Amino acid sequence: MNRVLAHTGVKYPIVQAPMGWIARTQLASAVSRAGGLGIIETSSGETENCQAEIRKMSALGMPFGVNLPIRFLKDEAMLKFVCESGVKFVTTSAGSPAKFIAPLKDAGITVYHAVPTVETAMKCVDAGIDGLVVEGGEGGGFKNPEEVSTLVLLQAIRARTDVPMIAAGGICDGRGMAAAFALGAEAIQMGTRFVSCTESPVHANYKNAIVEAKDTGTWVLNKKSTPCIRALKSQRTQAIFDEGLMPADALKGIRSVYFDGDMEAAPALAGQTAGLITSVKTAKEIIDETVAEFFAITARLGGLAQSRSFA
């Protein structure tokens, strides 16, 4: 039995990442409608708008989840709202989930926490988390400056605990999904792949920048300060990379990147999978193709196992 499917009620164990301002009903509903799990963000800090988006998704009657980024929440208003909203699945991130687990679980909500290291993962397990979103350094957005790849992190955490894992970072297709499952994951989370999909609300310039990026098309920036991020290469991020530190207001213009297509207004957050994405596709095409490729690969590997052969 796949525990992530049981916890979420979705058809396919494919989760959409909770990107600020982007992960709202337009995108989340497309992912959920295609059989995956759409997630509504709250990291934008727009409490009332995010609450409205949660209500919209609830009204559609499809499985979905909400992300609560602990460090970015101004107060307990969003936590209280989620506990009273009927939401069944929550991911927490950016901080310790210890104080959040009890109220969420008391409300009947399943809780997974995003972790970048084994140490963080074990603290969450000890705190009673239901599952983990295992975030490798390949992913876009806010990162741990001490990068651990998804490949290594999944193995290291699975060696210590049997809680269900959603693999995140460096995955955008069925090949990545098959690899993650081989290492103990029961689901995958995709961010950059869904940012660049047809239903994503971001500007075409942003989607095209992802499609045109090379495998070396991102940088990890601001490793010696906070926040540490992974973003697309650009003139702006070149300057930050060369300087070694990011100005405190560097992300102030992020909405101009997302919705106006000004790719120099702020670092354009994206993961290394930008180098694997070659076209804009619908959420349904992405999910259908990912599932088909996953089963084709695992069927071949199953044949190798059955015949005890590597050929």
C-alpha atoms as a PDB file:
ATOM      1  CA  MET A   1       0.000   0.000   0.000  1.00  0.00           C
ATOM      2  CA  ASN A   2       1.298   3.455  -0.934  1.00  0.00           C
ATOM      3  CA  ARG A   3       1.011   5.533   2.231  1.00  0.00           C
ATOM      4  CA  VAL A   4       1.137   8.906   0.465  1.00  0.00           C
ATOM      5  CA  LEU A   5      -1.863   7.919  -1.672  1.00  0.00           C
ATOM      6  CA  ALA A   6      -3.663   6.830   1.484  1.00  0.00           C
ATOM      7  CA  HIS A   7      -2.834  10.103   3.229  1.00  0.00           C
ATOM      8  CA  THR A   8      -3.834  12.349   0.326  1.00  0.00           C
ATOM      9  CA  GLY A   9      -6.619  10.521  -1.501  1.00  0.00           C
ATOM     10  CA  VAL A  10      -5.148  11.258  -4.930  1.00  0.00           C
ATOM     11  CA  LYS A  11      -4.838   8.946  -7.921  1.00  0.00           C
ATOM     12  CA  TYR A  12      -1.126   9.468  -8.536  1.00  0.00           C
ATOM     13  CA  PRO A  13       1.653  10.113  -5.989  1.00  0.00           C
ATOM     14  CA  ILE A  14       2.691  13.368  -7.646  1.00  0.00           C
ATOM     15  CA  VAL A  15       2.655  16.573  -5.593  1.00  0.00           C
ATOM     16  CA  GLN A  16       2.907  20.159  -6.814  1.00  0.00           C
ATOM     17  CA  ALA A  17       5.360  22.279  -4.833  1.00  0.00           C
ATOM     18  CA  PRO A  18       4.066  25.278  -2.835  1.00  0.00           C
ATOM     19  CA  MET A  19       5.634  28.219  -4.693  1.00  0.00           C
ATOM     20  CA  GLY A  20       4.767  31.626  -3.252  1.00  0.00           C
ATOM     21  CA  TRP A  21       2.098  33.534  -5.252  1.00  0.00           C
ATOM     22  CA  ILE A  22       2.196  30.802  -7.941  1.00  0.00           C
ATOM     23  CA  ALA A  23       0.705  27.819  -6.085  1.00  0.00           C
ATOM     24  CA  ARG A  24      -2.870  28.973  -6.010  1.00  0.00           C
ATOM     25  CA  THR A  25      -6.141  27.622  -7.369  1.00  0.00           C
ATOM     26  CA  GLN A  26      -5.352  28.122 -11.068  1.00  0.00           C
ATOM     27  CA  LEU A  27      -2.357  25.803 -10.897  1.00  0.00           C
ATOM     28  CA  ALA A  28      -3.357  23.598  -7.953  1.00  0.00           C
ATOM     29  CA  SER A  29      -6.736  22.731  -9.443  1.00  0.00           C
ATOM     30  CA  ALA A  30      -5.118  21.704 -12.750  1.00  0.00           C
ATOM     31  CA  VAL A  31      -2.745  19.371 -10.923  1.00  0.00           C
ATOM     32  CA  SER A  32      -5.482  17.884  -8.741  1.00  0.00           C
ATOM     33  CA  ARG A  33      -7.811  17.487 -11.721  1.00  0.00           C
ATOM     34  CA  ALA A  34      -5.061  15.527 -13.504  1.00  0.00           C
ATOM     35  CA  GLY A  35      -4.780  13.103 -10.587  1.00  0.00           C
ATOM     36  CA  GLY A  36      -1.945  14.695  -8.621  1.00  0.00           C
ATOM     37  CA  LEU A  37      -2.032  16.754  -5.447  1.00  0.00           C
ATOM     38  CA  GLY A  38      -2.326  20.506  -5.871  1.00  0.00           C
ATOM     39  CA  ILE A  39      -0.934  22.558  -3.004  1.00  0.00           C
ATOM     40  CA  ILE A  40      -1.982  26.065  -1.961  1.00  0.00           C
ATOM     41  CA  GLU A  41       0.857  28.286  -0.739  1.00  0.00           C
ATOM     42  CA  THR A  42       0.862  30.640   2.230  1.00  0.00           C
ATOM     43  CA  SER A  43       4.501  31.781   2.009  1.00  0.00           C
ATOM     44  CA  SER A  44       3.484  34.966   0.195  1.00  0.00           C
ATOM     45  CA  GLY A  45       2.195  36.270   3.513  1.00  0.00           C
ATOM     46  CA  GLU A  46      -1.070  37.370   1.913  1.00  0.00           C
ATOM     47  CA  THR A  47      -3.210  35.781   4.603  1.00  0.00           C
ATOM     48  CA  GLU A  48      -6.651  36.806   3.347  1.00  0.00           C
ATOM     49  CA  ASN A  49      -5.856  35.994  -0.292  1.00  0.00           C
ATOM     50  CA  CYS A  50      -4.454  32.587   0.633  1.00  0.00           C
ATOM     51  CA  GLN A  51      -7.484  31.834   2.776  1.00  0.00           C
ATOM     52  CA  ALA A  52      -9.692  32.728  -0.193  1.00  0.00           C
ATOM     53  CA  GLU A  53      -7.685  30.339  -2.377  1.00  0.00           C
ATOM     54  CA  ILE A  54      -8.146  27.538   0.156  1.00  0.00           C
ATOM     55  CA  ARG A  55     -11.909  28.167   0.097  1.00  0.00           C
ATOM     56  CA  LYS A  56     -11.891  28.057  -3.727  1.00  0.00           C
ATOM     57  CA  MET A  57     -10.054  24.743  -3.773  1.00  0.00           C
ATOM     58  CA  SER A  58     -12.339  23.292  -1.101  1.00  0.00           C
ATOM     59  CA  ALA A  59     -15.380  24.225  -3.175  1.00  0.00           C
ATOM     60  CA  LEU A  60     -14.043  22.218  -6.139  1.00  0.00           C
ATOM     61  CA  GLY A  61     -14.310  18.982  -4.168  1.00  0.00           C
ATOM     62  CA  MET A  62     -10.908  17.587  -5.181  1.00  0.00           C
ATOM     63  CA  PRO A  63      -8.032  16.448  -2.956  1.00  0.00           C
ATOM     64  CA  PHE A  64      -5.519  19.207  -2.258  1.00  0.00           C
ATOM     65  CA  GLY A  65      -3.119  20.321   0.425  1.00  0.00           C
ATOM     66  CA  VAL A  66      -1.835  23.495   2.062  1.00  0.00           C
ATOM     67  CA  ASN A  67       1.735  24.454   2.892  1.00  0.00           C
ATOM     68  CA  LEU A  68       2.516  26.282   6.128  1.00  0.00           C
ATOM     69  CA  PRO A  69       6.035  27.790   6.047  1.00  0.00           C
ATOM     70  CA  ILE A  70       6.550  28.303   9.762  1.00  0.00           C
ATOM     71  CA  ARG A  71       9.205  31.016   9.587  1.00  0.00           C
ATOM     72  CA  PHE A  72       7.143  33.155   7.219  1.00  0.00           C
ATOM     73  CA  LEU A  73       3.833  33.092   9.082  1.00  0.00           C
ATOM     74  CA  LYS A  74       3.155  36.412  10.829  1.00  0.00           C
ATOM     75  CA  ASP A  75       0.958  34.886  13.531  1.00  0.00           C
ATOM     76  CA  GLU A  76      -1.262  31.869  14.160  1.00  0.00           C
ATOM     77  CA  ALA A  77      -4.132  33.110  11.985  1.00  0.00           C
ATOM     78  CA  MET A  78      -3.322  30.815   9.067  1.00  0.00           C
ATOM     79  CA  LEU A  79      -2.736  27.805  11.309  1.00  0.00           C
ATOM     80  CA  LYS A  80      -6.070  28.364  13.023  1.00  0.00           C
ATOM     81  CA  PHE A  81      -7.848  28.871   9.694  1.00  0.00           C
ATOM     82  CA  VAL A  82      -6.413  25.661   8.229  1.00  0.00           C
ATOM     83  CA  CYS A  83      -7.381  23.680  11.317  1.00  0.00           C
ATOM     84  CA  GLU A  84     -10.976  24.874  10.940  1.00  0.00           C
ATOM     85  CA  SER A  85     -11.194  24.710   7.128  1.00  0.00           C
ATOM     86  CA  GLY A  86     -11.626  20.985   6.551  1.00  0.00           C
ATOM     87  CA  VAL A  87      -8.208  20.642   4.872  1.00  0.00           C
ATOM     88  CA  LYS A  88      -6.965  17.060   5.187  1.00  0.00           C
ATOM     89  CA  PHE A  89      -3.292  17.335   4.198  1.00  0.00           C
ATOM     90  CA  VAL A  90      -0.655  19.905   5.172  1.00  0.00           C
ATOM     91  CA  THR A  91       3.034  20.232   4.491  1.00  0.00           C
ATOM     92  CA  THR A  92       5.061  22.356   6.870  1.00  0.00           C
ATOM     93  CA  SER A  93       8.457  23.860   6.127  1.00  0.00           C
ATOM     94  CA  ALA A  94      10.983  26.551   7.061  1.00  0.00           C
ATOM     95  CA  GLY A  95      11.319  25.908  10.772  1.00  0.00           C
ATOM     96  CA  SER A  96      10.499  23.379  13.461  1.00  0.00           C
ATOM     97  CA  PRO A  97       7.027  21.825  13.103  1.00  0.00           C
ATOM     98  CA  ALA A  98       6.931  20.754  16.762  1.00  0.00           C
ATOM     99  CA  LYS A  99       4.351  23.322  17.879  1.00  0.00           C
ATOM    100  CA  PHE A 100       2.234  22.825  14.758  1.00  0.00           C
ATOM    101  CA  ILE A 101       1.889  19.046  14.787  1.00  0.00           C
ATOM    102  CA  ALA A 102      -0.500  18.725  17.753  1.00  0.00           C
ATOM    103  CA  PRO A 103      -3.096  21.318  16.648  1.00  0.00           C
ATOM    104  CA  LEU A 104      -3.027  20.073  13.050  1.00  0.00           C
ATOM    105  CA  LYS A 105      -3.374  16.408  13.991  1.00  0.00           C
ATOM    106  CA  ASP A 106      -6.067  17.267  16.550  1.00  0.00           C
ATOM    107  CA  ALA A 107      -7.974  18.744  13.593  1.00  0.00           C
ATOM    108  CA  GLY A 108      -7.657  15.431  11.729  1.00  0.00           C
ATOM    109  CA  ILE A 109      -4.975  16.702   9.366  1.00  0.00           C
ATOM    110  CA  THR A 110      -2.078  14.593   8.070  1.00  0.00           C
ATOM    111  CA  VAL A 111       1.214  16.493   8.371  1.00  0.00           C
ATOM    112  CA  TYR A 112       4.416  16.129   6.363  1.00  0.00           C
ATOM    113  CA  HIS A 113       7.448  18.345   6.972  1.00  0.00           C
ATOM    114  CA  ALA A 114      10.032  19.398   4.370  1.00  0.00           C
ATOM    115  CA  VAL A 115      13.573  18.485   5.400  1.00  0.00           C
ATOM    116  CA  PRO A 116      17.010  19.162   3.826  1.00  0.00           C
ATOM    117  CA  THR A 117      19.107  16.977   6.161  1.00  0.00           C
ATOM    118  CA  VAL A 118      18.995  13.686   8.066  1.00  0.00           C
ATOM    119  CA  GLU A 119      19.274  15.517  11.388  1.00  0.00           C
ATOM    120  CA  THR A 120      16.197  17.625  10.659  1.00  0.00           C
ATOM    121  CA  ALA A 121      14.315  14.563   9.456  1.00  0.00           C
ATOM    122  CA  MET A 122      14.938  12.660  12.667  1.00  0.00           C
ATOM    123  CA  LYS A 123      13.860  15.597  14.832  1.00  0.00           C
ATOM    124  CA  CYS A 124      10.584  15.675  12.888  1.00  0.00           C
ATOM    125  CA  VAL A 125      10.089  11.936  13.288  1.00  0.00           C
ATOM    126  CA  ASP A 126      10.669  12.264  17.021  1.00  0.00           C
ATOM    127  CA  ALA A 127       8.117  15.100  17.115  1.00  0.00           C
ATOM    128  CA  GLY A 128       5.453  12.802  15.609  1.00  0.00           C
ATOM    129  CA  ILE A 129       5.325  13.895  11.988  1.00  0.00           C
ATOM    130  CA  ASP A 130       3.283  11.665   9.625  1.00  0.00           C
ATOM    131  CA  GLY A 131       5.731  11.873   6.741  1.00  0.00           C
ATOM    132  CA  LEU A 132       8.566  13.837   5.166  1.00  0.00           C
ATOM    133  CA  VAL A 133       9.102  15.906   2.050  1.00  0.00           C
ATOM    134  CA  VAL A 134      12.758  15.139   1.410  1.00  0.00           C
ATOM    135  CA  GLU A 135      14.208  18.189  -0.348  1.00  0.00           C
ATOM    136  CA  GLY A 136      17.538  17.743  -2.087  1.00  0.00           C
ATOM    137  CA  GLY A 137      19.800  20.629  -3.048  1.00  0.00           C
ATOM    138  CA  GLU A 138      18.822  20.330  -6.725  1.00  0.00           C
ATOM    139  CA  GLY A 139      15.478  22.006  -6.075  1.00  0.00           C
ATOM    140  CA  GLY A 140      14.718  25.669  -6.675  1.00  0.00           C
ATOM    141  CA  GLY A 141      13.837  28.384  -4.196  1.00  0.00           C
ATOM    142  CA  PHE A 142      14.977  28.504  -0.584  1.00  0.00           C
ATOM    143  CA  LYS A 143      17.723  25.995   0.145  1.00  0.00           C
ATOM    144  CA  ASN A 144      20.010  24.720   2.874  1.00  0.00           C
ATOM    145  CA  PRO A 145      23.473  26.202   2.177  1.00  0.00           C
ATOM    146  CA  GLU A 146      24.973  22.785   2.942  1.00  0.00           C
ATOM    147  CA  GLU A 147      23.654  21.031  -0.137  1.00  0.00           C
ATOM    148  CA  VAL A 148      22.784  17.349   0.005  1.00  0.00           C
ATOM    149  CA  SER A 149      21.468  15.798  -3.199  1.00  0.00           C
ATOM    150  CA  THR A 150      18.096  14.076  -3.318  1.00  0.00           C
ATOM    151  CA  LEU A 151      19.902  10.880  -4.354  1.00  0.00           C
ATOM    152  CA  VAL A 152      21.930  10.809  -1.135  1.00  0.00           C
ATOM    153  CA  LEU A 153      19.326  12.303   1.190  1.00  0.00           C
ATOM    154  CA  LEU A 154      16.612   9.750   0.387  1.00  0.00           C
ATOM    155  CA  GLN A 155      18.990   6.877   1.093  1.00  0.00           C
ATOM    156  CA  ALA A 156      20.328   8.417   4.294  1.00  0.00           C
ATOM    157  CA  ILE A 157      16.875   9.103   5.738  1.00  0.00           C
ATOM    158  CA  ARG A 158      15.449   5.737   4.721  1.00  0.00           C
ATOM    159  CA  ALA A 159      18.351   4.059   6.517  1.00  0.00           C
ATOM    160  CA  ARG A 160      17.171   5.719   9.745  1.00  0.00           C
ATOM    161  CA  THR A 161      13.372   5.682   9.572  1.00  0.00           C
ATOM    162  CA  ASP A 162      10.455   4.052   7.773  1.00  0.00           C
ATOM    163  CA  VAL A 163       8.118   7.073   7.638  1.00  0.00           C
ATOM    164  CA  PRO A 164       6.681   7.815   4.171  1.00  0.00           C
ATOM    165  CA  MET A 165       8.803  10.130   2.031  1.00  0.00           C
ATOM    166  CA  ILE A 166       7.916  12.491  -0.796  1.00  0.00           C
ATOM    167  CA  ALA A 167      11.043  13.110  -2.874  1.00  0.00           C
ATOM    168  CA  ALA A 168      11.655  16.702  -3.985  1.00  0.00           C
ATOM    169  CA  GLY A 169      14.457  18.307  -5.944  1.00  0.00           C
ATOM    170  CA  GLY A 170      15.826  17.218  -9.308  1.00  0.00           C
ATOM    171  CA  ILE A 171      12.661  15.395 -10.423  1.00  0.00           C
ATOM    172  CA  CYS A 172      10.541  16.395 -13.400  1.00  0.00           C
ATOM    173  CA  ASP A 173       9.574  13.169 -15.164  1.00  0.00           C
ATOM    174  CA  GLY A 174       9.071   9.420 -14.868  1.00  0.00           C
ATOM    175  CA  ARG A 175      12.797   8.696 -14.846  1.00  0.00           C
ATOM    176  CA  GLY A 176      13.267  10.825 -11.774  1.00  0.00           C
ATOM    177  CA  MET A 177      10.168   9.319 -10.196  1.00  0.00           C
ATOM    178  CA  ALA A 178      11.407   5.759 -10.752  1.00  0.00           C
ATOM    179  CA  ALA A 179      14.782   6.636  -9.255  1.00  0.00           C
ATOM    180  CA  ALA A 180      13.124   8.211  -6.205  1.00  0.00           C
ATOM    181  CA  PHE A 181      10.926   5.168  -5.645  1.00  0.00           C
ATOM    182  CA  ALA A 182      13.957   2.887  -5.928  1.00  0.00           C
ATOM    183  CA  LEU A 183      15.480   4.829  -3.038  1.00  0.00           C
ATOM    184  CA  GLY A 184      12.447   4.497  -0.800  1.00  0.00           C
ATOM    185  CA  ALA A 185      10.158   7.398  -1.740  1.00  0.00           C
ATOM    186  CA  GLU A 186       6.421   6.822  -2.134  1.00  0.00           C
ATOM    187  CA  ALA A 187       5.725  10.039  -4.016  1.00  0.00           C
ATOM    188  CA  ILE A 188       7.479  12.906  -5.770  1.00  0.00           C
ATOM    189  CA  GLN A 189       7.077  16.671  -5.574  1.00  0.00           C
ATOM    190  CA  MET A 190       7.723  18.850  -8.617  1.00  0.00           C
ATOM    191  CA  GLY A 191       8.119  22.614  -8.562  1.00  0.00           C
ATOM    192  CA  THR A 192      10.000  23.904 -11.602  1.00  0.00           C
ATOM    193  CA  ARG A 193       8.166  21.462 -13.881  1.00  0.00           C
ATOM    194  CA  PHE A 194       4.778  22.822 -12.789  1.00  0.00           C
ATOM    195  CA  VAL A 195       5.943  26.463 -12.750  1.00  0.00           C
ATOM    196  CA  SER A 196       6.576  26.064 -16.460  1.00  0.00           C
ATOM    197  CA  CYS A 197       3.291  24.303 -17.277  1.00  0.00           C
ATOM    198  CA  THR A 198       0.465  25.776 -19.331  1.00  0.00           C
ATOM    199  CA  GLU A 199      -1.813  26.449 -16.350  1.00  0.00           C
ATOM    200  CA  SER A 200       0.896  28.145 -14.297  1.00  0.00           C
ATOM    201  CA  PRO A 201       0.017  31.822 -13.805  1.00  0.00           C
ATOM    202  CA  VAL A 202       3.564  33.075 -14.428  1.00  0.00           C
ATOM    203  CA  HIS A 203       4.602  35.145 -17.441  1.00  0.00           C
ATOM    204  CA  ALA A 204       5.718  33.399 -20.641  1.00  0.00           C
ATOM    205  CA  ASN A 205       9.196  34.919 -20.243  1.00  0.00           C
ATOM    206  CA  TYR A 206       9.674  32.971 -17.019  1.00  0.00           C
ATOM    207  CA  LYS A 207       8.433  29.727 -18.562  1.00  0.00           C
ATOM    208  CA  ASN A 208      10.653  30.224 -21.612  1.00  0.00           C
ATOM    209  CA  ALA A 209      13.693  30.943 -19.417  1.00  0.00           C
ATOM    210  CA  ILE A 210      13.151  27.568 -17.727  1.00  0.00           C
ATOM    211  CA  VAL A 211      12.714  25.764 -21.054  1.00  0.00           C
ATOM    212  CA  GLU A 212      15.840  27.392 -22.502  1.00  0.00           C
ATOM    213  CA  ALA A 213      18.054  26.795 -19.445  1.00  0.00           C
ATOM    214  CA  LYS A 214      20.979  24.370 -19.625  1.00  0.00           C
ATOM    215  CA  ASP A 215      21.807  21.748 -17.035  1.00  0.00           C
ATOM    216  CA  THR A 216      24.213  24.316 -15.595  1.00  0.00           C
ATOM    217  CA  GLY A 217      21.570  27.039 -15.815  1.00  0.00           C
ATOM    218  CA  THR A 218      21.102  27.734 -12.102  1.00  0.00           C
ATOM    219  CA  TRP A 219      23.177  29.022  -9.209  1.00  0.00           C
ATOM    220  CA  VAL A 220      22.952  28.550  -5.480  1.00  0.00           C
ATOM    221  CA  LEU A 221      23.216  32.082  -4.095  1.00  0.00           C
ATOM    222  CA  ASN A 222      23.860  33.662  -0.713  1.00  0.00           C
ATOM    223  CA  LYS A 223      25.384  30.595   0.919  1.00  0.00           C
ATOM    224  CA  LYS A 224      27.047  32.676   3.632  1.00  0.00           C
ATOM    225  CA  SER A 225      23.869  34.468   4.672  1.00  0.00           C
ATOM    226  CA  THR A 226      20.112  33.968   4.598  1.00  0.00           C
ATOM    227  CA  PRO A 227      18.068  33.177   2.658  1.00  0.00           C
ATOM    228  CA  CYS A 228      20.118  30.810   0.539  1.00  0.00           C
ATOM    229  CA  ILE A 229      18.353  30.256  -2.794  1.00  0.00           C
ATOM    230  CA  ARG A 230      18.700  28.431  -6.112  1.00  0.00           C
ATOM    231  CA  ALA A 231      17.792  30.591  -9.106  1.00  0.00           C
ATOM    232  CA  LEU A 232      18.238  30.816 -12.860  1.00  0.00           C
ATOM    233  CA  LYS A 233      21.374  32.400 -14.236  1.00  0.00           C
ATOM    234  CA  SER A 234      20.876  36.007 -15.329  1.00  0.00           C
ATOM    235  CA  GLN A 235      22.767  39.299 -15.231  1.00  0.00           C
ATOM    236  CA  ARG A 236      21.306  39.966 -11.813  1.00  0.00           C
ATOM    237  CA  THR A 237      22.172  36.577 -10.363  1.00  0.00           C
ATOM    238  CA  GLN A 238      25.638  36.741 -11.980  1.00  0.00           C
ATOM    239  CA  ALA A 239      26.318  39.877  -9.943  1.00  0.00           C
ATOM    240  CA  ILE A 240      25.065  38.227  -6.744  1.00  0.00           C
ATOM    241  CA  PHE A 241      27.115  35.104  -7.439  1.00  0.00           C
ATOM    242  CA  ASP A 242      30.262  37.154  -8.041  1.00  0.00           C
ATOM    243  CA  GLU A 243      29.674  39.228  -4.906  1.00  0.00           C
ATOM    244  CA  GLY A 244      28.969  36.162  -2.775  1.00  0.00           C
ATOM    245  CA  LEU A 245      26.181  37.868  -0.841  1.00  0.00           C
ATOM    246  CA  MET A 246      22.650  38.829  -1.823  1.00  0.00           C
ATOM    247  CA  PRO A 247      21.214  42.280  -0.991  1.00  0.00           C
ATOM    248  CA  ALA A 248      18.484  42.163   1.638  1.00  0.00           C
ATOM    249  CA  ASP A 249      15.939  43.493  -0.856  1.00  0.00           C
ATOM    250  CA  ALA A 250      16.972  41.216  -3.734  1.00  0.00           C
ATOM    251  CA  LEU A 251      13.648  39.349  -3.797  1.00  0.00           C
ATOM    252  CA  LYS A 252      11.531  42.499  -3.506  1.00  0.00           C
ATOM    253  CA  GLY A 253      10.740  42.434  -7.223  1.00  0.00           C
ATOM    254  CA  ILE A 254       9.900  38.716  -7.426  1.00  0.00           C
ATOM    255  CA  ARG A 255       6.320  39.358  -8.509  1.00  0.00           C
ATOM    256  CA  SER A 256       7.620  41.404 -11.448  1.00  0.00           C
ATOM    257  CA  VAL A 257       9.554  38.293 -12.511  1.00  0.00           C
ATOM    258  CA  TYR A 258       6.563  36.041 -12.064  1.00  0.00           C
ATOM    259  CA  PHE A 259       3.785  38.138 -13.562  1.00  0.00           C
ATOM    260  CA  ASP A 260       5.409  40.904 -15.631  1.00  0.00           C
ATOM    261  CA  GLY A 261       8.148  38.794 -17.164  1.00  0.00           C
ATOM    262  CA  ASP A 262      10.977  41.111 -16.078  1.00  0.00           C
ATOM    263  CA  MET A 263      13.667  38.489 -15.651  1.00  0.00           C
ATOM    264  CA  GLU A 264      16.115  40.964 -14.109  1.00  0.00           C
ATOM    265  CA  ALA A 265      13.725  42.327 -11.445  1.00  0.00           C
ATOM    266  CA  ALA A 266      14.807  39.648  -8.945  1.00  0.00           C
ATOM    267  CA  PRO A 267      16.444  36.214  -8.917  1.00  0.00           C
ATOM    268  CA  ALA A 268      14.123  33.874 -10.826  1.00  0.00           C
ATOM    269  CA  LEU A 269      13.798  30.848  -8.551  1.00  0.00           C
ATOM    270  CA  ALA A 270      14.180  27.478 -10.308  1.00  0.00           C
ATOM    271  CA  GLY A 271      15.693  24.053  -9.771  1.00  0.00           C
ATOM    272  CA  GLN A 272      18.280  22.131 -11.764  1.00  0.00           C
ATOM    273  CA  THR A 273      15.466  20.337 -13.602  1.00  0.00           C
ATOM    274  CA  ALA A 274      15.261  23.481 -15.722  1.00  0.00           C
ATOM    275  CA  GLY A 275      18.018  21.787 -17.700  1.00  0.00           C
ATOM    276  CA  LEU A 276      15.737  18.800 -18.363  1.00  0.00           C
ATOM    277  CA  ILE A 277      12.557  20.686 -19.324  1.00  0.00           C
ATOM    278  CA  THR A 278      12.309  21.271 -23.063  1.00  0.00           C
ATOM    279  CA  SER A 279       8.750  22.511 -23.589  1.00  0.00           C
ATOM    280  CA  VAL A 280       5.684  23.965 -21.912  1.00  0.00           C
ATOM    281  CA  LYS A 281       3.032  21.288 -21.351  1.00  0.00           C
ATOM    282  CA  THR A 282      -0.298  21.072 -19.563  1.00  0.00           C
ATOM    283  CA  ALA A 283      -0.413  19.690 -16.035  1.00  0.00           C
ATOM    284  CA  LYS A 284      -2.309  16.677 -17.390  1.00  0.00           C
ATOM    285  CA  GLU A 285       0.327  15.995 -20.040  1.00  0.00           C
ATOM    286  CA  ILE A 286       3.088  16.251 -17.452  1.00  0.00           C
ATOM    287  CA  ILE A 287       1.395  13.885 -15.022  1.00  0.00           C
ATOM    288  CA  ASP A 288       0.234  11.384 -17.664  1.00  0.00           C
ATOM    289  CA  GLU A 289       3.679  11.237 -19.277  1.00  0.00           C
ATOM    290  CA  THR A 290       5.426  10.968 -15.902  1.00  0.00           C
ATOM    291  CA  VAL A 291       3.211   8.052 -14.838  1.00  0.00           C
ATOM    292  CA  ALA A 292       3.597   6.250 -18.175  1.00  0.00           C
ATOM    293  CA  GLU A 293       7.378   6.628 -18.129  1.00  0.00           C
ATOM    294  CA  PHE A 294       7.540   5.516 -14.491  1.00  0.00           C
ATOM    295  CA  PHE A 295       5.671   2.294 -15.219  1.00  0.00           C
ATOM    296  CA  ALA A 296       7.706   1.606 -18.372  1.00  0.00           C
ATOM    297  CA  ILE A 297      10.955   1.899 -16.419  1.00  0.00           C
ATOM    298  CA  THR A 298       9.810  -0.067 -13.382  1.00  0.00           C
ATOM    299  CA  ALA A 299       8.400  -2.806 -15.638  1.00  0.00           C
ATOM    300  CA  ARG A 300      11.798  -3.158 -17.303  1.00  0.00           C
ATOM    301  CA  LEU A 301      13.555  -3.230 -13.957  1.00  0.00           C
ATOM    302  CA  GLY A 302      11.049  -5.755 -12.656  1.00  0.00           C
ATOM    303  CA  GLY A 303      11.877  -7.966 -15.605  1.00  0.00           C
ATOM    304  CA  LEU A 304      15.571  -7.753 -14.746  1.00  0.00           C
ATOM    305  CA  ALA A 305      14.816  -8.742 -11.163  1.00  0.00           C
ATOM    306  CA  GLN A 306      12.620 -11.645 -12.210  1.00  0.00           C
ATOM    307  CA  SER A 307      15.251 -13.012 -14.581  1.00  0.00           C
ATOM    308  CA  ARG A 308      18.100 -12.231 -12.165  1.00  0.00           C
ATOM    309  CA  SER A 309      19.880 -10.580 -15.078  1.00  0.00           C
ATOM    310  CA  PHE A 310      21.430  -7.182 -15.792  1.00  0.00           C
ATOM    311  CA  ALA A 311      21.007  -7.495 -19.536  1.00  0.00           C
END
